[in-house]
């Protein structure tokens, strides 16, 4: 079974957004239904994670725009045109500090799976691969720097971000 491949990037982390690009297997179906979790392990109340999802778009591997329709508060249908794979892009706002949500700022990001990833509805056993492209760090900021990638993904993304802790008091 082909995985969904996500690439997370932070082009303007001071705006508190993570940008997600997902390569979603479509297997030639006319459409695929994507969903976002409404709960997270350890916190089993129904959550409104999808309220932070914005600008959902889709395209074919050849760059042709595909129709995306929001079908429920946490679901989106993509008309695939019979493609074997579609590329879905969206952004997620992260400015709530808790163990179940996302927090994104200029020099730090905490990204939780449930409020971040759209996945194929009804396919919980499909593998998922996540690559992270760290925000470009200010070379003059000696408190936090992106390290060299410990392992490069298929798109050159870094999987490891190392930081030094700062004392604030």
N, C-alpha and C. Protein backbone atom coordinates (compact mmCIF):
# COMPACT_ATOMS: atom_id res chain seq x y z
N UNK A 1 0.85 -1.18 0.00
CA UNK A 1 0.00 0.00 0.00
C UNK A 1 0.89 1.24 0.00
N UNK A 2 0.65 2.13 -0.94
CA UNK A 2 1.45 3.36 -1.03
C UNK A 2 1.15 4.29 0.14
N UNK A 3 2.18 4.93 0.68
CA UNK A 3 1.95 5.86 1.80
C UNK A 3 1.44 7.21 1.32
N UNK A 4 0.85 7.95 2.25
CA UNK A 4 0.63 9.38 2.04
C UNK A 4 1.93 10.03 2.47
N UNK A 5 2.49 10.90 1.62
CA UNK A 5 3.76 11.56 1.93
C UNK A 5 3.50 13.04 2.20
N UNK A 6 3.78 13.45 3.42
CA UNK A 6 3.58 14.84 3.83
C UNK A 6 4.92 15.56 3.89
N UNK A 7 4.92 16.80 3.45
CA UNK A 7 6.06 17.68 3.67
C UNK A 7 5.56 18.90 4.42
N UNK A 8 6.11 19.14 5.60
CA UNK A 8 5.75 20.30 6.41
C UNK A 8 6.82 21.36 6.24
N UNK A 9 6.39 22.59 6.02
CA UNK A 9 7.34 23.70 5.92
C UNK A 9 6.79 24.90 6.68
N UNK A 10 7.70 25.81 6.99
CA UNK A 10 7.38 26.98 7.80
C UNK A 10 7.94 28.22 7.11
N UNK A 11 7.33 28.64 5.98
CA UNK A 11 7.91 29.75 5.22
C UNK A 11 7.88 31.10 5.95
N UNK A 12 6.97 31.27 6.88
CA UNK A 12 6.88 32.51 7.66
C UNK A 12 6.42 32.14 9.07
N UNK A 13 7.29 31.52 9.87
CA UNK A 13 6.86 31.00 11.16
C UNK A 13 6.29 32.04 12.12
N UNK A 14 6.69 33.29 11.95
CA UNK A 14 6.16 34.35 12.82
C UNK A 14 4.66 34.55 12.63
N UNK A 15 4.08 34.00 11.54
CA UNK A 15 2.64 34.09 11.31
C UNK A 15 1.89 32.93 11.95
N UNK A 16 2.63 31.96 12.52
CA UNK A 16 2.07 30.83 13.26
C UNK A 16 1.40 29.79 12.35
N UNK A 17 1.87 29.68 11.11
CA UNK A 17 1.31 28.70 10.19
C UNK A 17 2.36 27.66 9.80
N UNK A 18 1.89 26.42 9.67
CA UNK A 18 2.67 25.36 9.03
C UNK A 18 1.98 25.09 7.70
N UNK A 19 2.77 24.96 6.65
CA UNK A 19 2.25 24.63 5.33
C UNK A 19 2.46 23.14 5.10
N UNK A 20 1.42 22.48 4.63
CA UNK A 20 1.49 21.04 4.40
C UNK A 20 1.24 20.75 2.93
N UNK A 21 2.10 19.90 2.39
CA UNK A 21 1.93 19.38 1.04
C UNK A 21 1.84 17.87 1.20
N UNK A 22 0.75 17.28 0.72
CA UNK A 22 0.54 15.84 0.87
C UNK A 22 0.39 15.19 -0.50
N UNK A 23 1.19 14.17 -0.74
CA UNK A 23 1.04 13.35 -1.94
C UNK A 23 0.14 12.19 -1.55
N UNK A 24 -1.09 12.21 -2.07
CA UNK A 24 -2.13 11.29 -1.64
C UNK A 24 -2.41 10.27 -2.75
N UNK A 25 -2.23 8.98 -2.47
CA UNK A 25 -2.56 7.96 -3.46
C UNK A 25 -4.06 7.99 -3.77
N UNK A 26 -4.41 7.96 -5.05
CA UNK A 26 -5.81 8.00 -5.44
C UNK A 26 -6.23 6.74 -6.19
N UNK A 27 -5.27 5.95 -6.65
CA UNK A 27 -5.53 4.65 -7.29
C UNK A 27 -6.51 4.74 -8.46
N UNK A 28 -6.54 5.89 -9.14
CA UNK A 28 -7.40 6.02 -10.31
C UNK A 28 -8.87 6.24 -10.00
N UNK A 29 -9.22 6.38 -8.72
CA UNK A 29 -10.63 6.65 -8.36
C UNK A 29 -11.06 8.02 -8.87
N UNK A 30 -12.34 8.23 -9.03
CA UNK A 30 -12.86 9.53 -9.48
C UNK A 30 -12.66 10.61 -8.44
N UNK A 31 -12.72 10.22 -7.16
CA UNK A 31 -12.53 11.18 -6.08
C UNK A 31 -11.95 10.46 -4.87
N UNK A 32 -11.36 11.25 -3.98
CA UNK A 32 -10.91 10.74 -2.68
C UNK A 32 -11.49 11.64 -1.61
N UNK A 33 -11.80 11.02 -0.48
CA UNK A 33 -12.34 11.74 0.67
C UNK A 33 -11.24 11.83 1.72
N UNK A 34 -10.91 13.06 2.11
CA UNK A 34 -9.89 13.29 3.14
C UNK A 34 -10.58 13.69 4.43
N UNK A 35 -10.01 13.27 5.55
CA UNK A 35 -10.59 13.65 6.83
C UNK A 35 -9.50 14.03 7.81
N UNK A 36 -9.91 14.78 8.82
CA UNK A 36 -9.02 15.16 9.92
C UNK A 36 -9.61 14.59 11.20
N UNK A 37 -8.76 14.14 12.08
CA UNK A 37 -9.20 13.58 13.36
C UNK A 37 -10.02 14.59 14.15
N UNK A 38 -10.90 14.07 14.99
CA UNK A 38 -11.68 14.95 15.88
C UNK A 38 -11.33 14.69 17.35
N UNK A 39 -10.37 13.79 17.59
CA UNK A 39 -9.88 13.52 18.94
C UNK A 39 -8.43 13.14 18.84
N UNK A 40 -7.76 13.11 19.98
CA UNK A 40 -6.35 12.72 20.02
C UNK A 40 -6.14 11.82 21.23
N UNK A 41 -5.24 10.86 21.15
CA UNK A 41 -5.00 9.96 22.29
C UNK A 41 -4.73 10.74 23.58
N UNK A 42 -5.38 10.30 24.64
CA UNK A 42 -5.21 10.94 25.94
C UNK A 42 -6.18 12.08 26.17
N UNK A 43 -6.88 12.51 25.12
CA UNK A 43 -7.87 13.59 25.24
C UNK A 43 -9.03 13.23 24.32
N UNK A 44 -9.97 12.49 24.84
CA UNK A 44 -10.98 11.84 24.01
C UNK A 44 -12.25 12.66 23.78
N UNK A 45 -12.24 13.91 24.17
CA UNK A 45 -13.36 14.78 23.83
C UNK A 45 -13.31 15.10 22.35
N UNK A 46 -14.47 15.35 21.75
CA UNK A 46 -14.51 15.75 20.34
C UNK A 46 -13.95 17.17 20.24
N UNK A 47 -12.98 17.35 19.36
CA UNK A 47 -12.31 18.64 19.18
C UNK A 47 -12.64 19.23 17.82
N UNK A 48 -12.40 20.50 17.68
CA UNK A 48 -12.63 21.22 16.42
C UNK A 48 -11.29 21.53 15.75
N UNK A 49 -10.43 20.52 15.58
CA UNK A 49 -9.11 20.75 14.99
C UNK A 49 -9.20 21.38 13.60
N UNK A 50 -10.20 20.99 12.83
CA UNK A 50 -10.31 21.47 11.44
C UNK A 50 -10.56 22.97 11.35
N UNK A 51 -10.92 23.62 12.44
CA UNK A 51 -11.15 25.07 12.39
C UNK A 51 -9.88 25.84 12.03
N UNK A 52 -8.72 25.20 12.23
CA UNK A 52 -7.45 25.86 11.93
C UNK A 52 -6.90 25.53 10.55
N UNK A 53 -7.63 24.71 9.77
CA UNK A 53 -7.20 24.33 8.43
C UNK A 53 -7.69 25.39 7.44
N UNK A 54 -6.77 25.87 6.61
CA UNK A 54 -7.11 26.92 5.64
C UNK A 54 -6.54 26.60 4.27
N UNK A 55 -7.15 27.17 3.25
CA UNK A 55 -6.62 27.19 1.89
C UNK A 55 -6.32 25.80 1.34
N UNK A 56 -7.28 24.88 1.46
CA UNK A 56 -7.09 23.53 0.93
C UNK A 56 -7.22 23.57 -0.59
N UNK A 57 -6.17 23.14 -1.28
CA UNK A 57 -6.17 23.06 -2.74
C UNK A 57 -5.62 21.70 -3.15
N UNK A 58 -5.88 21.32 -4.38
CA UNK A 58 -5.36 20.05 -4.90
C UNK A 58 -5.00 20.22 -6.35
N UNK A 59 -4.04 19.40 -6.78
CA UNK A 59 -3.62 19.40 -8.17
C UNK A 59 -3.15 18.01 -8.56
N UNK A 60 -3.15 17.78 -9.86
CA UNK A 60 -2.61 16.53 -10.38
C UNK A 60 -1.09 16.60 -10.34
N UNK A 61 -0.40 15.47 -10.50
CA UNK A 61 1.07 15.52 -10.56
C UNK A 61 1.58 16.43 -11.68
N UNK A 62 0.75 16.64 -12.72
CA UNK A 62 1.14 17.52 -13.81
C UNK A 62 0.83 18.99 -13.56
N UNK A 63 0.30 19.31 -12.37
CA UNK A 63 0.03 20.71 -12.02
C UNK A 63 -1.35 21.21 -12.40
N UNK A 64 -2.25 20.33 -12.81
CA UNK A 64 -3.60 20.76 -13.16
C UNK A 64 -4.43 20.86 -11.88
N UNK A 65 -5.07 22.02 -11.69
CA UNK A 65 -5.89 22.24 -10.49
C UNK A 65 -7.07 21.28 -10.47
N UNK A 66 -7.35 20.73 -9.29
CA UNK A 66 -8.47 19.82 -9.10
C UNK A 66 -9.48 20.45 -8.14
N UNK A 67 -10.74 20.07 -8.30
CA UNK A 67 -11.80 20.63 -7.46
C UNK A 67 -11.75 20.01 -6.06
N UNK A 68 -11.83 20.87 -5.05
CA UNK A 68 -11.88 20.44 -3.65
C UNK A 68 -13.17 20.97 -3.07
N UNK A 69 -13.92 20.09 -2.42
CA UNK A 69 -15.19 20.47 -1.81
C UNK A 69 -15.17 20.05 -0.34
N UNK A 70 -15.50 20.99 0.54
CA UNK A 70 -15.60 20.65 1.96
C UNK A 70 -16.97 20.02 2.18
N UNK A 71 -16.99 18.75 2.59
CA UNK A 71 -18.24 18.00 2.70
C UNK A 71 -18.77 17.91 4.13
N UNK A 72 -17.93 18.17 5.10
CA UNK A 72 -18.31 18.19 6.52
C UNK A 72 -17.26 19.03 7.23
N UNK A 73 -17.46 19.26 8.54
CA UNK A 73 -16.52 20.16 9.23
C UNK A 73 -15.10 19.63 9.24
N UNK A 74 -14.91 18.31 9.10
CA UNK A 74 -13.56 17.75 9.11
C UNK A 74 -13.29 16.87 7.88
N UNK A 75 -14.01 17.12 6.77
CA UNK A 75 -13.84 16.29 5.56
C UNK A 75 -13.81 17.15 4.30
N UNK A 76 -12.98 16.68 3.35
CA UNK A 76 -12.83 17.34 2.06
C UNK A 76 -12.83 16.27 0.98
N UNK A 77 -13.54 16.50 -0.13
CA UNK A 77 -13.55 15.59 -1.26
C UNK A 77 -12.75 16.23 -2.39
N UNK A 78 -11.83 15.46 -2.97
CA UNK A 78 -11.01 15.92 -4.08
C UNK A 78 -11.42 15.14 -5.32
N UNK A 79 -11.82 15.84 -6.37
CA UNK A 79 -12.10 15.22 -7.66
C UNK A 79 -10.75 14.95 -8.33
N UNK A 80 -10.40 13.69 -8.51
CA UNK A 80 -9.05 13.33 -8.95
C UNK A 80 -8.88 13.32 -10.46
N UNK A 81 -9.98 13.26 -11.21
CA UNK A 81 -9.85 13.12 -12.66
C UNK A 81 -9.25 11.78 -13.05
N UNK A 82 -9.32 10.79 -12.15
CA UNK A 82 -8.78 9.47 -12.43
C UNK A 82 -7.29 9.33 -12.20
N UNK A 83 -6.68 10.34 -11.61
CA UNK A 83 -5.22 10.30 -11.36
C UNK A 83 -4.87 9.19 -10.37
N UNK A 84 -3.66 8.70 -10.46
CA UNK A 84 -3.17 7.69 -9.52
C UNK A 84 -2.76 8.32 -8.19
N UNK A 85 -2.42 9.63 -8.24
CA UNK A 85 -1.98 10.34 -7.05
C UNK A 85 -2.38 11.81 -7.21
N UNK A 86 -2.74 12.46 -6.12
CA UNK A 86 -3.03 13.89 -6.14
C UNK A 86 -2.17 14.58 -5.09
N UNK A 87 -1.92 15.85 -5.32
CA UNK A 87 -1.13 16.65 -4.39
C UNK A 87 -2.08 17.63 -3.72
N UNK A 88 -2.20 17.51 -2.42
CA UNK A 88 -3.09 18.36 -1.64
C UNK A 88 -2.22 19.30 -0.82
N UNK A 89 -2.54 20.58 -0.87
CA UNK A 89 -1.80 21.59 -0.11
C UNK A 89 -2.78 22.36 0.78
N UNK A 90 -2.32 22.69 1.96
CA UNK A 90 -3.13 23.49 2.88
C UNK A 90 -2.21 24.04 3.96
N UNK A 91 -2.76 24.90 4.77
CA UNK A 91 -1.99 25.42 5.89
C UNK A 91 -2.81 25.29 7.16
N UNK A 92 -2.09 25.21 8.28
CA UNK A 92 -2.73 25.04 9.58
C UNK A 92 -2.18 26.10 10.52
N UNK A 93 -3.10 26.80 11.18
CA UNK A 93 -2.72 27.81 12.16
C UNK A 93 -2.40 27.11 13.48
N UNK A 94 -1.31 27.50 14.12
CA UNK A 94 -0.92 26.89 15.38
C UNK A 94 -0.50 27.91 16.41
N UNK A 95 -1.42 28.25 17.27
CA UNK A 95 -1.10 29.24 18.32
C UNK A 95 -1.86 28.89 19.60
N UNK A 96 -1.93 27.60 19.90
CA UNK A 96 -2.58 27.16 21.14
C UNK A 96 -1.64 26.16 21.81
N UNK A 97 -1.10 26.52 22.94
CA UNK A 97 -0.12 25.69 23.63
C UNK A 97 -0.83 24.66 24.50
N UNK A 98 -0.83 23.41 24.05
CA UNK A 98 -1.35 22.29 24.83
C UNK A 98 -0.75 21.02 24.25
N UNK A 99 -0.99 19.90 24.89
CA UNK A 99 -0.45 18.64 24.38
C UNK A 99 -1.27 18.09 23.22
N UNK A 100 -2.39 18.72 22.89
CA UNK A 100 -3.25 18.20 21.82
C UNK A 100 -3.33 19.13 20.61
N UNK A 101 -2.65 20.25 20.63
CA UNK A 101 -2.75 21.23 19.54
C UNK A 101 -1.36 21.60 19.03
N UNK A 102 -1.30 22.54 18.11
CA UNK A 102 -0.04 22.99 17.52
C UNK A 102 0.35 24.36 18.06
N UNK A 103 1.67 24.57 18.13
CA UNK A 103 2.22 25.87 18.51
C UNK A 103 3.37 26.16 17.56
N UNK A 104 3.27 27.27 16.84
CA UNK A 104 4.29 27.64 15.87
C UNK A 104 4.68 29.08 16.12
N UNK A 105 5.98 29.32 16.23
CA UNK A 105 6.49 30.68 16.37
C UNK A 105 7.82 30.77 15.62
N UNK A 106 8.45 31.90 15.68
CA UNK A 106 9.65 32.14 14.88
C UNK A 106 10.79 31.17 15.13
N UNK A 107 10.98 30.73 16.39
CA UNK A 107 12.12 29.85 16.66
C UNK A 107 11.75 28.53 17.30
N UNK A 108 10.47 28.15 17.23
CA UNK A 108 10.04 26.91 17.84
C UNK A 108 8.72 26.47 17.22
N UNK A 109 8.57 25.17 17.02
CA UNK A 109 7.28 24.63 16.57
C UNK A 109 7.03 23.30 17.26
N UNK A 110 5.82 23.14 17.76
CA UNK A 110 5.34 21.87 18.29
C UNK A 110 4.18 21.48 17.40
N UNK A 111 4.32 20.38 16.68
CA UNK A 111 3.30 19.96 15.72
C UNK A 111 2.80 18.59 16.13
N UNK A 112 1.51 18.52 16.38
CA UNK A 112 0.83 17.31 16.80
C UNK A 112 0.09 16.73 15.59
N UNK A 113 0.06 15.43 15.46
CA UNK A 113 -0.53 14.79 14.28
C UNK A 113 -2.02 15.03 14.10
N UNK A 114 -2.81 14.86 15.14
CA UNK A 114 -4.27 14.96 15.00
C UNK A 114 -4.74 16.30 14.43
N UNK A 115 -4.24 17.44 14.91
CA UNK A 115 -4.71 18.71 14.36
C UNK A 115 -3.93 19.19 13.13
N UNK A 116 -3.15 18.30 12.50
CA UNK A 116 -2.31 18.72 11.38
C UNK A 116 -2.60 17.97 10.09
N UNK A 117 -2.78 16.66 10.16
CA UNK A 117 -2.79 15.85 8.95
C UNK A 117 -4.17 15.48 8.45
N UNK A 118 -4.41 15.76 7.17
CA UNK A 118 -5.57 15.22 6.47
C UNK A 118 -5.16 13.85 5.96
N UNK A 119 -6.03 12.87 6.08
CA UNK A 119 -5.72 11.52 5.65
C UNK A 119 -6.88 10.95 4.87
N UNK A 120 -6.68 9.85 4.19
CA UNK A 120 -7.75 9.22 3.44
C UNK A 120 -8.78 8.65 4.41
N UNK A 121 -10.01 9.09 4.27
CA UNK A 121 -11.08 8.63 5.15
C UNK A 121 -11.27 7.13 4.96
N UNK A 122 -11.42 6.42 6.07
CA UNK A 122 -11.68 4.99 6.02
C UNK A 122 -10.47 4.13 5.73
N UNK A 123 -9.27 4.69 5.78
CA UNK A 123 -8.06 3.91 5.54
C UNK A 123 -7.05 4.12 6.68
N UNK A 124 -7.40 3.69 7.89
CA UNK A 124 -6.54 3.95 9.05
C UNK A 124 -5.21 3.20 9.03
N UNK A 125 -5.08 2.15 8.26
CA UNK A 125 -3.84 1.37 8.26
C UNK A 125 -2.85 1.80 7.17
N UNK A 126 -3.21 2.79 6.38
CA UNK A 126 -2.30 3.25 5.33
C UNK A 126 -1.06 3.88 5.96
N UNK A 127 0.13 3.57 5.44
CA UNK A 127 1.34 4.20 5.99
C UNK A 127 1.38 5.70 5.68
N UNK A 128 2.04 6.44 6.55
CA UNK A 128 2.22 7.88 6.38
C UNK A 128 3.70 8.20 6.56
N UNK A 129 4.24 9.04 5.69
CA UNK A 129 5.62 9.49 5.81
C UNK A 129 5.59 11.01 5.98
N UNK A 130 6.38 11.50 6.90
CA UNK A 130 6.41 12.93 7.19
C UNK A 130 7.83 13.45 7.04
N UNK A 131 8.01 14.48 6.23
CA UNK A 131 9.28 15.19 6.10
C UNK A 131 9.08 16.59 6.61
N UNK A 132 10.09 17.12 7.29
CA UNK A 132 9.99 18.47 7.84
C UNK A 132 11.09 19.33 7.25
N UNK A 133 10.69 20.47 6.72
CA UNK A 133 11.63 21.47 6.23
C UNK A 133 11.65 22.58 7.27
N UNK A 134 12.70 22.67 8.08
CA UNK A 134 12.73 23.70 9.14
C UNK A 134 12.69 25.11 8.55
N UNK A 135 12.17 26.01 9.33
CA UNK A 135 12.17 27.42 8.92
C UNK A 135 13.60 27.88 8.76
N UNK A 136 13.82 28.77 7.83
CA UNK A 136 15.16 29.34 7.66
C UNK A 136 15.46 30.18 8.90
N UNK A 137 16.51 29.82 9.57
CA UNK A 137 16.86 30.52 10.80
C UNK A 137 17.77 31.70 10.49
N UNK A 138 17.63 32.72 11.29
CA UNK A 138 18.49 33.91 11.18
C UNK A 138 19.92 33.51 11.58
N UNK A 139 20.89 33.62 10.67
CA UNK A 139 22.26 33.19 11.00
C UNK A 139 22.89 34.01 12.12
N UNK A 140 22.31 35.16 12.45
CA UNK A 140 22.85 35.98 13.52
C UNK A 140 22.21 35.67 14.87
N UNK A 141 21.21 34.80 14.86
CA UNK A 141 20.56 34.39 16.11
C UNK A 141 21.33 33.19 16.63
N UNK A 142 22.15 33.39 17.65
CA UNK A 142 22.99 32.32 18.14
C UNK A 142 22.28 31.42 19.14
N UNK A 143 21.03 31.69 19.43
CA UNK A 143 20.28 30.86 20.37
C UNK A 143 19.67 29.65 19.71
N UNK A 144 19.28 29.75 18.46
CA UNK A 144 18.62 28.65 17.78
C UNK A 144 19.12 28.58 16.35
N UNK A 145 19.50 27.41 15.92
CA UNK A 145 19.94 27.22 14.53
C UNK A 145 19.44 25.87 14.05
N UNK A 146 19.10 25.80 12.80
CA UNK A 146 18.77 24.51 12.21
C UNK A 146 20.07 23.74 12.00
N UNK A 147 20.05 22.48 12.34
CA UNK A 147 21.23 21.67 12.13
C UNK A 147 21.25 21.15 10.70
N UNK A 148 22.36 20.56 10.32
CA UNK A 148 22.41 19.89 9.03
C UNK A 148 21.49 18.68 9.13
N UNK A 149 20.84 18.29 8.05
CA UNK A 149 19.94 17.14 8.11
C UNK A 149 20.67 15.88 8.58
N UNK A 150 20.06 15.20 9.53
CA UNK A 150 20.62 13.93 9.98
C UNK A 150 20.30 12.86 8.95
N UNK A 151 19.18 12.99 8.28
CA UNK A 151 18.76 12.05 7.26
C UNK A 151 17.92 12.84 6.27
N UNK A 152 18.23 12.76 5.01
CA UNK A 152 17.48 13.52 4.01
C UNK A 152 16.37 12.66 3.44
N UNK A 153 15.19 13.25 3.25
CA UNK A 153 14.06 12.56 2.65
C UNK A 153 14.13 12.63 1.14
N UNK A 154 13.08 12.11 0.50
CA UNK A 154 13.05 12.08 -0.97
C UNK A 154 13.03 13.47 -1.57
N UNK A 155 12.63 14.46 -0.79
CA UNK A 155 12.57 15.83 -1.30
C UNK A 155 13.66 16.71 -0.67
N UNK A 156 14.63 16.10 0.01
CA UNK A 156 15.72 16.85 0.61
C UNK A 156 15.38 17.47 1.95
N UNK A 157 14.20 17.17 2.48
CA UNK A 157 13.78 17.76 3.76
C UNK A 157 14.61 17.21 4.90
N UNK A 158 14.77 18.02 5.93
CA UNK A 158 15.49 17.58 7.12
C UNK A 158 14.52 16.95 8.10
N UNK A 159 14.94 15.88 8.73
CA UNK A 159 14.11 15.24 9.74
C UNK A 159 14.45 15.69 11.15
N UNK A 160 15.60 16.31 11.32
CA UNK A 160 16.06 16.66 12.65
C UNK A 160 16.32 18.16 12.73
N UNK A 161 15.80 18.77 13.75
CA UNK A 161 16.07 20.17 14.04
C UNK A 161 16.65 20.22 15.44
N UNK A 162 17.87 20.69 15.56
CA UNK A 162 18.50 20.78 16.89
C UNK A 162 18.57 22.22 17.32
N UNK A 163 18.26 22.45 18.57
CA UNK A 163 18.31 23.81 19.10
C UNK A 163 19.09 23.80 20.41
N UNK A 164 19.58 24.96 20.76
CA UNK A 164 20.18 25.15 22.08
C UNK A 164 19.16 25.88 22.95
N UNK A 165 19.06 25.47 24.19
CA UNK A 165 18.14 26.13 25.09
C UNK A 165 18.69 27.47 25.52
N UNK A 166 17.80 28.43 25.67
CA UNK A 166 18.20 29.76 26.15
C UNK A 166 17.70 29.93 27.58
N UNK A 167 18.50 30.55 28.37
CA UNK A 167 18.05 30.92 29.72
C UNK A 167 17.40 32.28 29.63
N UNK A 168 16.20 32.38 30.18
CA UNK A 168 15.46 33.65 30.08
C UNK A 168 15.38 34.38 31.40
N UNK A 169 16.01 33.86 32.42
CA UNK A 169 15.86 34.51 33.71
C UNK A 169 17.14 34.74 34.42
